[in-house]
All heavy atoms as atom14 arrays in JSON, in Angstrom:
{
  "sequence": "YRPLAYVDHMSDAYAAADLMLARSGAGTVVETAV",
  "atom14_mask": [
    [1, 1, 1, 1, 1, 1, 1, 1, 1, 1, 1, 1, 0, 0],
    [1, 1, 1, 1, 1, 1, 1, 1, 1, 1, 1, 0, 0, 0],
    [1, 1, 1, 1, 1, 1, 1, 0, 0, 0, 0, 0, 0, 0],
    [1, 1, 1, 1, 1, 1, 1, 1, 0, 0, 0, 0, 0, 0],
    [1, 1, 1, 1, 1, 0, 0, 0, 0, 0, 0, 0, 0, 0],
    [1, 1, 1, 1, 1, 1, 1, 1, 1, 1, 1, 1, 0, 0],
    [1, 1, 1, 1, 1, 1, 1, 0, 0, 0, 0, 0, 0, 0],
    [1, 1, 1, 1, 1, 1, 1, 1, 0, 0, 0, 0, 0, 0],
    [1, 1, 1, 1, 1, 1, 1, 1, 1, 1, 0, 0, 0, 0],
    [1, 1, 1, 1, 1, 1, 1, 1, 0, 0, 0, 0, 0, 0],
    [1, 1, 1, 1, 1, 1, 0, 0, 0, 0, 0, 0, 0, 0],
    [1, 1, 1, 1, 1, 1, 1, 1, 0, 0, 0, 0, 0, 0],
    [1, 1, 1, 1, 1, 0, 0, 0, 0, 0, 0, 0, 0, 0],
    [1, 1, 1, 1, 1, 1, 1, 1, 1, 1, 1, 1, 0, 0],
    [1, 1, 1, 1, 1, 0, 0, 0, 0, 0, 0, 0, 0, 0],
    [1, 1, 1, 1, 1, 0, 0, 0, 0, 0, 0, 0, 0, 0],
    [1, 1, 1, 1, 1, 0, 0, 0, 0, 0, 0, 0, 0, 0],
    [1, 1, 1, 1, 1, 1, 1, 1, 0, 0, 0, 0, 0, 0],
    [1, 1, 1, 1, 1, 1, 1, 1, 0, 0, 0, 0, 0, 0],
    [1, 1, 1, 1, 1, 1, 1, 1, 0, 0, 0, 0, 0, 0],
    [1, 1, 1, 1, 1, 1, 1, 1, 0, 0, 0, 0, 0, 0],
    [1, 1, 1, 1, 1, 0, 0, 0, 0, 0, 0, 0, 0, 0],
    [1, 1, 1, 1, 1, 1, 1, 1, 1, 1, 1, 0, 0, 0],
    [1, 1, 1, 1, 1, 1, 0, 0, 0, 0, 0, 0, 0, 0],
    [1, 1, 1, 1, 0, 0, 0, 0, 0, 0, 0, 0, 0, 0],
    [1, 1, 1, 1, 1, 0, 0, 0, 0, 0, 0, 0, 0, 0],
    [1, 1, 1, 1, 0, 0, 0, 0, 0, 0, 0, 0, 0, 0],
    [1, 1, 1, 1, 1, 1, 1, 0, 0, 0, 0, 0, 0, 0],
    [1, 1, 1, 1, 1, 1, 1, 0, 0, 0, 0, 0, 0, 0],
    [1, 1, 1, 1, 1, 1, 1, 0, 0, 0, 0, 0, 0, 0],
    [1, 1, 1, 1, 1, 1, 1, 1, 1, 0, 0, 0, 0, 0],
    [1, 1, 1, 1, 1, 1, 1, 0, 0, 0, 0, 0, 0, 0],
    [1, 1, 1, 1, 1, 0, 0, 0, 0, 0, 0, 0, 0, 0],
    [1, 1, 1, 1, 1, 1, 1, 0, 0, 0, 0, 0, 0, 0]
  ],
  "atom14_positions": [
    [[-10.29, 6.08, 11.13], [-9.22, 6.69, 10.37], [-7.92, 6.58, 11.16], [-7.84, 6.97, 12.32], [-9.55, 8.15, 10.08], [-8.43, 8.91, 9.4], [-8.33, 8.92, 8.02], [-7.49, 9.61, 10.13], [-7.32, 9.61, 7.38], [-6.48, 10.32, 9.5], [-6.38, 10.3, 8.13], [-5.38, 10.98, 7.51], [0.0, 0.0, 0.0], [0.0, 0.0, 0.0]],
    [[-6.85, 6.03, 10.51], [-5.54, 5.91, 11.16], [-4.46, 6.45, 10.25], [-4.11, 5.82, 9.24], [-5.24, 4.45, 11.51], [-6.08, 3.86, 12.63], [-5.52, 2.54, 13.07], [-4.17, 2.69, 13.63], [-3.35, 1.67, 13.86], [-3.75, 0.43, 13.57], [-2.14, 1.89, 14.36], [0.0, 0.0, 0.0], [0.0, 0.0, 0.0], [0.0, 0.0, 0.0]],
    [[-3.93, 7.64, 10.55], [-2.81, 8.16, 9.77], [-1.48, 7.61, 10.29], [-1.25, 7.51, 11.49], [-2.91, 9.67, 10.0], [-3.55, 9.78, 11.36], [-4.43, 8.57, 11.55], [0.0, 0.0, 0.0], [0.0, 0.0, 0.0], [0.0, 0.0, 0.0], [0.0, 0.0, 0.0], [0.0, 0.0, 0.0], [0.0, 0.0, 0.0], [0.0, 0.0, 0.0]],
    [[-0.62, 7.2, 9.39], [0.67, 6.64, 9.75], [1.76, 7.26, 8.88], [1.59, 7.42, 7.67], [0.69, 5.11, 9.58], [-0.29, 4.31, 10.44], [-0.31, 2.87, 9.96], [0.11, 4.38, 11.9], [0.0, 0.0, 0.0], [0.0, 0.0, 0.0], [0.0, 0.0, 0.0], [0.0, 0.0, 0.0], [0.0, 0.0, 0.0], [0.0, 0.0, 0.0]],
    [[2.88, 7.59, 9.49], [4.0, 8.11, 8.71], [4.55, 7.03, 7.79], [4.96, 7.32, 6.66], [5.1, 8.63, 9.63], [0.0, 0.0, 0.0], [0.0, 0.0, 0.0], [0.0, 0.0, 0.0], [0.0, 0.0, 0.0], [0.0, 0.0, 0.0], [0.0, 0.0, 0.0], [0.0, 0.0, 0.0], [0.0, 0.0, 0.0], [0.0, 0.0, 0.0]],
    [[4.57, 5.8, 8.25], [5.05, 4.68, 7.46], [4.56, 3.4, 8.11], [4.06, 3.4, 9.24], [6.58, 4.67, 7.36], [7.27, 4.48, 8.69], [7.59, 3.2, 9.15], [7.55, 5.57, 9.51], [8.18, 3.01, 10.39], [8.15, 5.4, 10.75], [8.46, 4.1, 11.18], [9.04, 3.92, 12.4], [0.0, 0.0, 0.0], [0.0, 0.0, 0.0]],
    [[4.69, 2.31, 7.42], [4.47, 0.99, 8.0], [5.69, 0.14, 7.73], [6.38, 0.31, 6.71], [3.2, 0.3, 7.44], [1.96, 1.07, 7.78], [3.31, 0.12, 5.94], [0.0, 0.0, 0.0], [0.0, 0.0, 0.0], [0.0, 0.0, 0.0], [0.0, 0.0, 0.0], [0.0, 0.0, 0.0], [0.0, 0.0, 0.0], [0.0, 0.0, 0.0]],
    [[5.99, -0.73, 8.68], [7.18, -1.56, 8.54], [7.03, -2.61, 7.44], [7.98, -2.95, 6.75], [7.5, -2.25, 9.87], [7.95, -1.27, 10.94], [8.68, -0.32, 10.6], [7.58, -1.46, 12.12], [0.0, 0.0, 0.0], [0.0, 0.0, 0.0], [0.0, 0.0, 0.0], [0.0, 0.0, 0.0], [0.0, 0.0, 0.0], [0.0, 0.0, 0.0]],
    [[5.83, -3.14, 7.29], [5.6, -4.21, 6.33], [4.38, -3.86, 5.46], [3.23, -4.05, 5.89], [5.4, -5.54, 7.05], [6.55, -5.94, 7.94], [7.74, -6.37, 7.45], [6.66, -5.93, 9.29], [8.57, -6.63, 8.46], [7.93, -6.36, 9.58], [0.0, 0.0, 0.0], [0.0, 0.0, 0.0], [0.0, 0.0, 0.0], [0.0, 0.0, 0.0]],
    [[4.61, -3.35, 4.26], [3.51, -2.99, 3.39], [2.64, -4.19, 3.04], [1.46, -4.05, 2.76], [4.04, -2.35, 2.11], [4.44, -0.9, 2.26], [3.05, 0.16, 2.77], [1.91, -0.07, 1.42], [0.0, 0.0, 0.0], [0.0, 0.0, 0.0], [0.0, 0.0, 0.0], [0.0, 0.0, 0.0], [0.0, 0.0, 0.0], [0.0, 0.0, 0.0]],
    [[3.2, -5.38, 3.06], [2.41, -6.57, 2.75], [1.25, -6.72, 3.72], [0.17, -7.19, 3.34], [3.29, -7.82, 2.78], [3.91, -7.98, 4.06], [0.0, 0.0, 0.0], [0.0, 0.0, 0.0], [0.0, 0.0, 0.0], [0.0, 0.0, 0.0], [0.0, 0.0, 0.0], [0.0, 0.0, 0.0], [0.0, 0.0, 0.0], [0.0, 0.0, 0.0]],
    [[1.48, -6.34, 4.99], [0.4, -6.4, 5.96], [-0.72, -5.42, 5.61], [-1.91, -5.73, 5.74], [0.93, -6.1, 7.37], [1.87, -7.18, 7.88], [1.83, -8.32, 7.35], [2.66, -6.89, 8.8], [0.0, 0.0, 0.0], [0.0, 0.0, 0.0], [0.0, 0.0, 0.0], [0.0, 0.0, 0.0], [0.0, 0.0, 0.0], [0.0, 0.0, 0.0]],
    [[-0.33, -4.22, 5.18], [-1.32, -3.22, 4.79], [-2.1, -3.68, 3.57], [-3.33, -3.55, 3.5], [-0.64, -1.88, 4.51], [0.0, 0.0, 0.0], [0.0, 0.0, 0.0], [0.0, 0.0, 0.0], [0.0, 0.0, 0.0], [0.0, 0.0, 0.0], [0.0, 0.0, 0.0], [0.0, 0.0, 0.0], [0.0, 0.0, 0.0], [0.0, 0.0, 0.0]],
    [[-1.41, -4.26, 2.59], [-2.08, -4.78, 1.4], [-3.06, -5.89, 1.77], [-4.18, -5.96, 1.25], [-1.07, -5.31, 0.39], [-0.19, -4.26, -0.25], [1.13, -4.55, -0.58], [-0.69, -3.01, -0.56], [1.95, -3.6, -1.18], [0.12, -2.04, -1.16], [1.43, -2.34, -1.47], [2.23, -1.41, -2.06], [0.0, 0.0, 0.0], [0.0, 0.0, 0.0]],
    [[-2.65, -6.75, 2.65], [-3.49, -7.89, 3.03], [-4.77, -7.43, 3.73], [-5.82, -8.07, 3.6], [-2.72, -8.84, 3.93], [0.0, 0.0, 0.0], [0.0, 0.0, 0.0], [0.0, 0.0, 0.0], [0.0, 0.0, 0.0], [0.0, 0.0, 0.0], [0.0, 0.0, 0.0], [0.0, 0.0, 0.0], [0.0, 0.0, 0.0], [0.0, 0.0, 0.0]],
    [[-4.68, -6.3, 4.45], [-5.84, -5.8, 5.19], [-6.77, -4.96, 4.32], [-7.89, -4.66, 4.72], [-5.39, -4.98, 6.39], [0.0, 0.0, 0.0], [0.0, 0.0, 0.0], [0.0, 0.0, 0.0], [0.0, 0.0, 0.0], [0.0, 0.0, 0.0], [0.0, 0.0, 0.0], [0.0, 0.0, 0.0], [0.0, 0.0, 0.0], [0.0, 0.0, 0.0]],
    [[-6.31, -4.57, 3.13], [-7.04, -3.61, 2.32], [-7.96, -4.29, 1.31], [-7.67, -5.36, 0.78], [-6.07, -2.7, 1.58], [0.0, 0.0, 0.0], [0.0, 0.0, 0.0], [0.0, 0.0, 0.0], [0.0, 0.0, 0.0], [0.0, 0.0, 0.0], [0.0, 0.0, 0.0], [0.0, 0.0, 0.0], [0.0, 0.0, 0.0], [0.0, 0.0, 0.0]],
    [[-9.09, -3.63, 1.04], [-9.98, -4.01, -0.05], [-9.74, -3.16, -1.3], [-9.97, -3.59, -2.42], [-11.44, -3.87, 0.37], [-11.82, -4.8, 1.49], [-11.55, -6.01, 1.36], [-12.37, -4.34, 2.51], [0.0, 0.0, 0.0], [0.0, 0.0, 0.0], [0.0, 0.0, 0.0], [0.0, 0.0, 0.0], [0.0, 0.0, 0.0], [0.0, 0.0, 0.0]],
    [[-9.28, -1.94, -1.08], [-9.08, -0.99, -2.16], [-7.98, -0.02, -1.75], [-7.9, 0.38, -0.59], [-10.37, -0.22, -2.45], [-10.34, 0.89, -3.51], [-10.15, 0.26, -4.89], [-11.61, 1.71, -3.45], [0.0, 0.0, 0.0], [0.0, 0.0, 0.0], [0.0, 0.0, 0.0], [0.0, 0.0, 0.0], [0.0, 0.0, 0.0], [0.0, 0.0, 0.0]],
    [[-7.15, 0.4, -2.7], [-6.1, 1.35, -2.41], [-6.16, 2.52, -3.38], [-6.41, 2.33, -4.59], [-4.71, 0.7, -2.49], [-3.58, 1.66, -2.07], [-2.01, 0.88, -1.77], [-1.52, 0.53, -3.43], [0.0, 0.0, 0.0], [0.0, 0.0, 0.0], [0.0, 0.0, 0.0], [0.0, 0.0, 0.0], [0.0, 0.0, 0.0], [0.0, 0.0, 0.0]],
    [[-5.96, 3.72, -2.87], [-5.83, 4.93, -3.66], [-4.39, 5.4, -3.51], [-3.93, 5.62, -2.39], [-6.81, 6.0, -3.17], [-6.74, 7.37, -3.83], [-7.16, 7.29, -5.29], [-7.64, 8.36, -3.09], [0.0, 0.0, 0.0], [0.0, 0.0, 0.0], [0.0, 0.0, 0.0], [0.0, 0.0, 0.0], [0.0, 0.0, 0.0], [0.0, 0.0, 0.0]],
    [[-3.67, 5.53, -4.64], [-2.25, 5.83, -4.54], [-1.75, 6.57, -5.77], [-2.37, 6.52, -6.84], [-1.43, 4.55, -4.37], [0.0, 0.0, 0.0], [0.0, 0.0, 0.0], [0.0, 0.0, 0.0], [0.0, 0.0, 0.0], [0.0, 0.0, 0.0], [0.0, 0.0, 0.0], [0.0, 0.0, 0.0], [0.0, 0.0, 0.0], [0.0, 0.0, 0.0]],
    [[-0.62, 7.29, -5.59], [0.07, 7.83, -6.75], [0.72, 6.68, -7.51], [0.99, 5.6, -6.94], [1.09, 8.87, -6.33], [2.21, 8.35, -5.45], [3.11, 9.49, -5.03], [4.22, 9.03, -4.19], [5.39, 8.62, -4.68], [5.59, 8.58, -5.98], [6.35, 8.23, -3.85], [0.0, 0.0, 0.0], [0.0, 0.0, 0.0], [0.0, 0.0, 0.0]],
    [[0.99, 6.87, -8.78], [1.51, 5.78, -9.6], [3.04, 5.8, -9.67], [3.64, 5.83, -10.76], [0.9, 5.82, -11.0], [0.99, 7.08, -11.59], [0.0, 0.0, 0.0], [0.0, 0.0, 0.0], [0.0, 0.0, 0.0], [0.0, 0.0, 0.0], [0.0, 0.0, 0.0], [0.0, 0.0, 0.0], [0.0, 0.0, 0.0], [0.0, 0.0, 0.0]],
    [[3.64, 5.8, -8.49], [5.07, 5.59, -8.44], [5.41, 4.18, -8.91], [4.58, 3.25, -8.81], [0.0, 0.0, 0.0], [0.0, 0.0, 0.0], [0.0, 0.0, 0.0], [0.0, 0.0, 0.0], [0.0, 0.0, 0.0], [0.0, 0.0, 0.0], [0.0, 0.0, 0.0], [0.0, 0.0, 0.0], [0.0, 0.0, 0.0], [0.0, 0.0, 0.0]],
    [[6.61, 4.01, -9.41], [6.98, 2.72, -10.0], [6.84, 1.58, -9.0], [6.32, 0.5, -9.32], [8.41, 2.79, -10.54], [0.0, 0.0, 0.0], [0.0, 0.0, 0.0], [0.0, 0.0, 0.0], [0.0, 0.0, 0.0], [0.0, 0.0, 0.0], [0.0, 0.0, 0.0], [0.0, 0.0, 0.0], [0.0, 0.0, 0.0], [0.0, 0.0, 0.0]],
    [[7.3, 1.83, -7.75], [7.19, 0.79, -6.74], [5.75, 0.41, -6.44], [5.42, -0.78, -6.3], [0.0, 0.0, 0.0], [0.0, 0.0, 0.0], [0.0, 0.0, 0.0], [0.0, 0.0, 0.0], [0.0, 0.0, 0.0], [0.0, 0.0, 0.0], [0.0, 0.0, 0.0], [0.0, 0.0, 0.0], [0.0, 0.0, 0.0], [0.0, 0.0, 0.0]],
    [[4.87, 1.4, -6.35], [3.47, 1.13, -6.07], [2.84, 0.31, -7.18], [2.1, -0.65, -6.93], [2.7, 2.45, -5.91], [3.26, 3.19, -4.84], [1.23, 2.19, -5.63], [0.0, 0.0, 0.0], [0.0, 0.0, 0.0], [0.0, 0.0, 0.0], [0.0, 0.0, 0.0], [0.0, 0.0, 0.0], [0.0, 0.0, 0.0], [0.0, 0.0, 0.0]],
    [[3.11, 0.68, -8.43], [2.55, -0.04, -9.57], [2.97, -1.51, -9.54], [2.15, -2.42, -9.71], [2.97, 0.62, -10.9], [2.56, -0.26, -12.09], [2.34, 2.0, -11.03], [0.0, 0.0, 0.0], [0.0, 0.0, 0.0], [0.0, 0.0, 0.0], [0.0, 0.0, 0.0], [0.0, 0.0, 0.0], [0.0, 0.0, 0.0], [0.0, 0.0, 0.0]],
    [[4.25, -1.76, -9.29], [4.75, -3.13, -9.27], [4.12, -3.93, -8.13], [3.66, -5.06, -8.31], [6.28, -3.13, -9.16], [6.8, -4.55, -8.93], [6.91, -2.56, -10.42], [0.0, 0.0, 0.0], [0.0, 0.0, 0.0], [0.0, 0.0, 0.0], [0.0, 0.0, 0.0], [0.0, 0.0, 0.0], [0.0, 0.0, 0.0], [0.0, 0.0, 0.0]],
    [[4.11, -3.34, -6.94], [3.63, -4.06, -5.77], [2.14, -4.41, -5.91], [1.73, -5.54, -5.62], [3.86, -3.24, -4.51], [5.34, -3.15, -4.12], [5.56, -2.26, -2.92], [4.57, -1.9, -2.24], [6.72, -1.91, -2.62], [0.0, 0.0, 0.0], [0.0, 0.0, 0.0], [0.0, 0.0, 0.0], [0.0, 0.0, 0.0], [0.0, 0.0, 0.0]],
    [[1.31, -3.44, -6.31], [-0.11, -3.72, -6.43], [-0.4, -4.71, -7.55], [-1.34, -5.51, -7.46], [-0.92, -2.42, -6.66], [-0.4, -1.73, -7.8], [-0.83, -1.52, -5.44], [0.0, 0.0, 0.0], [0.0, 0.0, 0.0], [0.0, 0.0, 0.0], [0.0, 0.0, 0.0], [0.0, 0.0, 0.0], [0.0, 0.0, 0.0], [0.0, 0.0, 0.0]],
    [[0.41, -4.68, -8.6], [0.24, -5.65, -9.68], [0.53, -7.06, -9.18], [-0.15, -8.03, -9.55], [1.14, -5.29, -10.86], [0.0, 0.0, 0.0], [0.0, 0.0, 0.0], [0.0, 0.0, 0.0], [0.0, 0.0, 0.0], [0.0, 0.0, 0.0], [0.0, 0.0, 0.0], [0.0, 0.0, 0.0], [0.0, 0.0, 0.0], [0.0, 0.0, 0.0]],
    [[1.57, -7.18, -8.33], [1.95, -8.49, -7.8], [0.89, -9.05, -6.87], [0.5, -10.21, -6.96], [3.31, -8.41, -7.09], [3.59, -9.71, -6.34], [4.41, -8.15, -8.1], [0.0, 0.0, 0.0], [0.0, 0.0, 0.0], [0.0, 0.0, 0.0], [0.0, 0.0, 0.0], [0.0, 0.0, 0.0], [0.0, 0.0, 0.0], [0.0, 0.0, 0.0]]
  ]
}
């Protein structure tokens, strides 16, 4: 388990992930769709 206040490059986090649990903010919806 690694808690982080933020990450500099969300693309890196997406690339490392198999599954994401998130609120449906507009930015999150767009990014995960892309």
